C-alpha atoms as a PDB file:
ATOM      1  CA  MET A   1    -102.391  52.564 105.771  1.00  0.00           C
ATOM      2  CA  THR A   2    -105.497  51.394 107.550  1.00  0.00           C
ATOM      3  CA  ILE A   3    -106.306  51.946 111.172  1.00  0.00           C
ATOM      4  CA  ILE A   4    -105.679  48.251 111.854  1.00  0.00           C
ATOM      5  CA  GLU A   5    -102.175  48.438 110.369  1.00  0.00           C
ATOM      6  CA  ARG A   6    -101.371  51.570 112.418  1.00  0.00           C
ATOM      7  CA  LEU A   7    -102.611  49.913 115.584  1.00  0.00           C
ATOM      8  CA  GLU A   8    -100.591  46.780 114.828  1.00  0.00           C
ATOM      9  CA  GLU A   9     -97.464  48.930 114.462  1.00  0.00           C
ATOM     10  CA  LYS A  10     -98.194  50.695 117.753  1.00  0.00           C
ATOM     11  CA  VAL A  11     -98.707  47.378 119.527  1.00  0.00           C
ATOM     12  CA  THR A  12     -95.437  46.037 118.092  1.00  0.00           C
ATOM     13  CA  ARG A  13     -93.529  49.154 119.196  1.00  0.00           C
ATOM     14  CA  GLN A  14     -95.041  49.008 122.680  1.00  0.00           C
ATOM     15  CA  GLU A  15     -94.233  45.306 123.017  1.00  0.00           C
ATOM     16  CA  SER A  16     -90.646  46.063 122.082  1.00  0.00           C
ATOM     17  CA  LYS A  17     -90.462  48.860 124.662  1.00  0.00           C
ATOM     18  CA  VAL A  18     -91.939  46.630 127.350  1.00  0.00           C
ATOM     19  CA  ALA A  19     -89.404  43.893 126.573  1.00  0.00           C
ATOM     20  CA  ARG A  20     -86.495  46.364 126.859  1.00  0.00           C
ATOM     21  CA  GLU A  21     -87.839  47.815 130.109  1.00  0.00           C
ATOM     22  CA  THR A  22     -88.395  44.327 131.523  1.00  0.00           C
ATOM     23  CA  GLU A  23     -84.748  43.499 130.819  1.00  0.00           C
ATOM     24  CA  LYS A  24     -83.636  46.727 132.514  1.00  0.00           C
ATOM     25  CA  LEU A  25     -85.836  45.986 135.509  1.00  0.00           C
ATOM     26  CA  ALA A  26     -84.347  42.507 135.893  1.00  0.00           C
ATOM     27  CA  ALA A  27     -80.835  43.978 135.770  1.00  0.00           C
ATOM     28  CA  TYR A  28     -81.719  46.624 138.389  1.00  0.00           C
ATOM     29  CA  LYS A  29     -83.246  43.989 140.670  1.00  0.00           C
ATOM     30  CA  GLU A  30     -80.117  41.867 140.400  1.00  0.00           C
ATOM     31  CA  GLN A  31     -77.894  44.875 141.177  1.00  0.00           C
ATOM     32  CA  LEU A  32     -80.064  45.759 144.164  1.00  0.00           C
ATOM     33  CA  GLU A  33     -79.956  42.224 145.568  1.00  0.00           C
ATOM     34  CA  THR A  34     -76.183  42.073 145.110  1.00  0.00           C
ATOM     35  CA  ALA A  35     -75.698  45.425 146.846  1.00  0.00           C
ATOM     36  CA  MET A  36     -78.029  44.482 149.699  1.00  0.00           C
ATOM     37  CA  PHE A  37     -76.275  41.162 150.285  1.00  0.00           C
ATOM     38  CA  ALA A  38     -72.808  42.758 150.106  1.00  0.00           C
ATOM     39  CA  THR A  39     -73.886  45.365 152.651  1.00  0.00           C
ATOM     40  CA  PHE A  40     -75.357  42.671 154.880  1.00  0.00           C
ATOM     41  CA  LYS A  41     -72.160  40.602 154.724  1.00  0.00           C
ATOM     42  CA  ARG A  42     -69.970  43.636 155.452  1.00  0.00           C
ATOM     43  CA  ARG A  43     -72.079  44.664 158.440  1.00  0.00           C
ATOM     44  CA  GLN A  44     -72.262  41.103 159.725  1.00  0.00           C
ATOM     45  CA  SER A  45     -68.479  40.687 159.487  1.00  0.00           C
ATOM     46  CA  ILE A  46     -67.952  43.485 162.017  1.00  0.00           C
ATOM     47  CA  SER A  47     -70.831  42.408 164.239  1.00  0.00           C
ATOM     48  CA  HIS A  48     -70.687  40.238 167.340  1.00  0.00           C
ATOM     49  CA  MET A  49     -73.584  38.153 165.982  1.00  0.00           C
ATOM     50  CA  SER A  50     -73.159  34.884 164.129  1.00  0.00           C
ATOM     51  CA  PHE A  51     -74.193  34.753 160.508  1.00  0.00           C
ATOM     52  CA  GLU A  52     -77.398  32.870 161.419  1.00  0.00           C
ATOM     53  CA  GLU A  53     -78.256  35.388 164.162  1.00  0.00           C
ATOM     54  CA  ALA A  54     -77.681  38.256 161.764  1.00  0.00           C
ATOM     55  CA  LEU A  55     -79.948  36.634 159.161  1.00  0.00           C
ATOM     56  CA  ASP A  56     -82.663  36.152 161.758  1.00  0.00           C
ATOM     57  CA  HIS A  57     -82.278  39.735 162.913  1.00  0.00           C
ATOM     58  CA  ALA A  58     -82.299  41.180 159.389  1.00  0.00           C
ATOM     59  CA  PHE A  59     -85.019  39.072 157.821  1.00  0.00           C
ATOM     60  CA  GLY A  60     -86.838  37.572 160.777  1.00  0.00           C
ATOM     61  CA  ARG A  61     -87.854  34.024 161.327  1.00  0.00           C
ATOM     62  CA  GLU A  62     -91.340  32.606 161.321  1.00  0.00           C
ATOM     63  CA  ARG A  63     -92.596  32.696 164.852  1.00  0.00           C
ATOM     64  CA  GLN A  64     -93.503  29.371 166.395  1.00  0.00           C
ATOM     65  CA  PHE A  65     -96.893  29.779 168.030  1.00  0.00           C
ATOM     66  CA  ASP A  66     -97.560  28.263 171.400  1.00  0.00           C
ATOM     67  CA  GLU A  67    -101.081  26.832 171.170  1.00  0.00           C
ATOM     68  CA  SER A  68    -101.958  27.921 174.712  1.00  0.00           C
ATOM     69  CA  GLU A  69    -100.896  31.481 173.899  1.00  0.00           C
ATOM     70  CA  PHE A  70    -103.025  31.371 170.735  1.00  0.00           C
ATOM     71  CA  ARG A  71    -106.053  30.153 172.668  1.00  0.00           C
ATOM     72  CA  LYS A  72    -105.639  32.914 175.270  1.00  0.00           C
ATOM     73  CA  ASP A  73    -105.755  35.485 172.482  1.00  0.00           C
ATOM     74  CA  GLU A  74    -108.922  33.910 171.046  1.00  0.00           C
ATOM     75  CA  MET A  75    -110.640  33.848 174.440  1.00  0.00           C
ATOM     76  CA  SER A  76    -109.863  37.477 175.180  1.00  0.00           C
ATOM     77  CA  GLU A  77    -111.649  38.651 172.015  1.00  0.00           C
END
């Protein structure tokens, strides 16, 4: 067996391992997202906040910049 053939075999084995690990990673990510959302929903259900308020609190919302406030910050620098 030549060095090229051995290296080809190694590459093939590694590609197979990477594919399996990629599948596992996708499954773990899905499980994590499901668990996080279930926890969020459970906590929100016992909270006084609305669902939208809870989403904003948990994940934030893009801040709307007031141009005058932005200019004040630029001038103070």
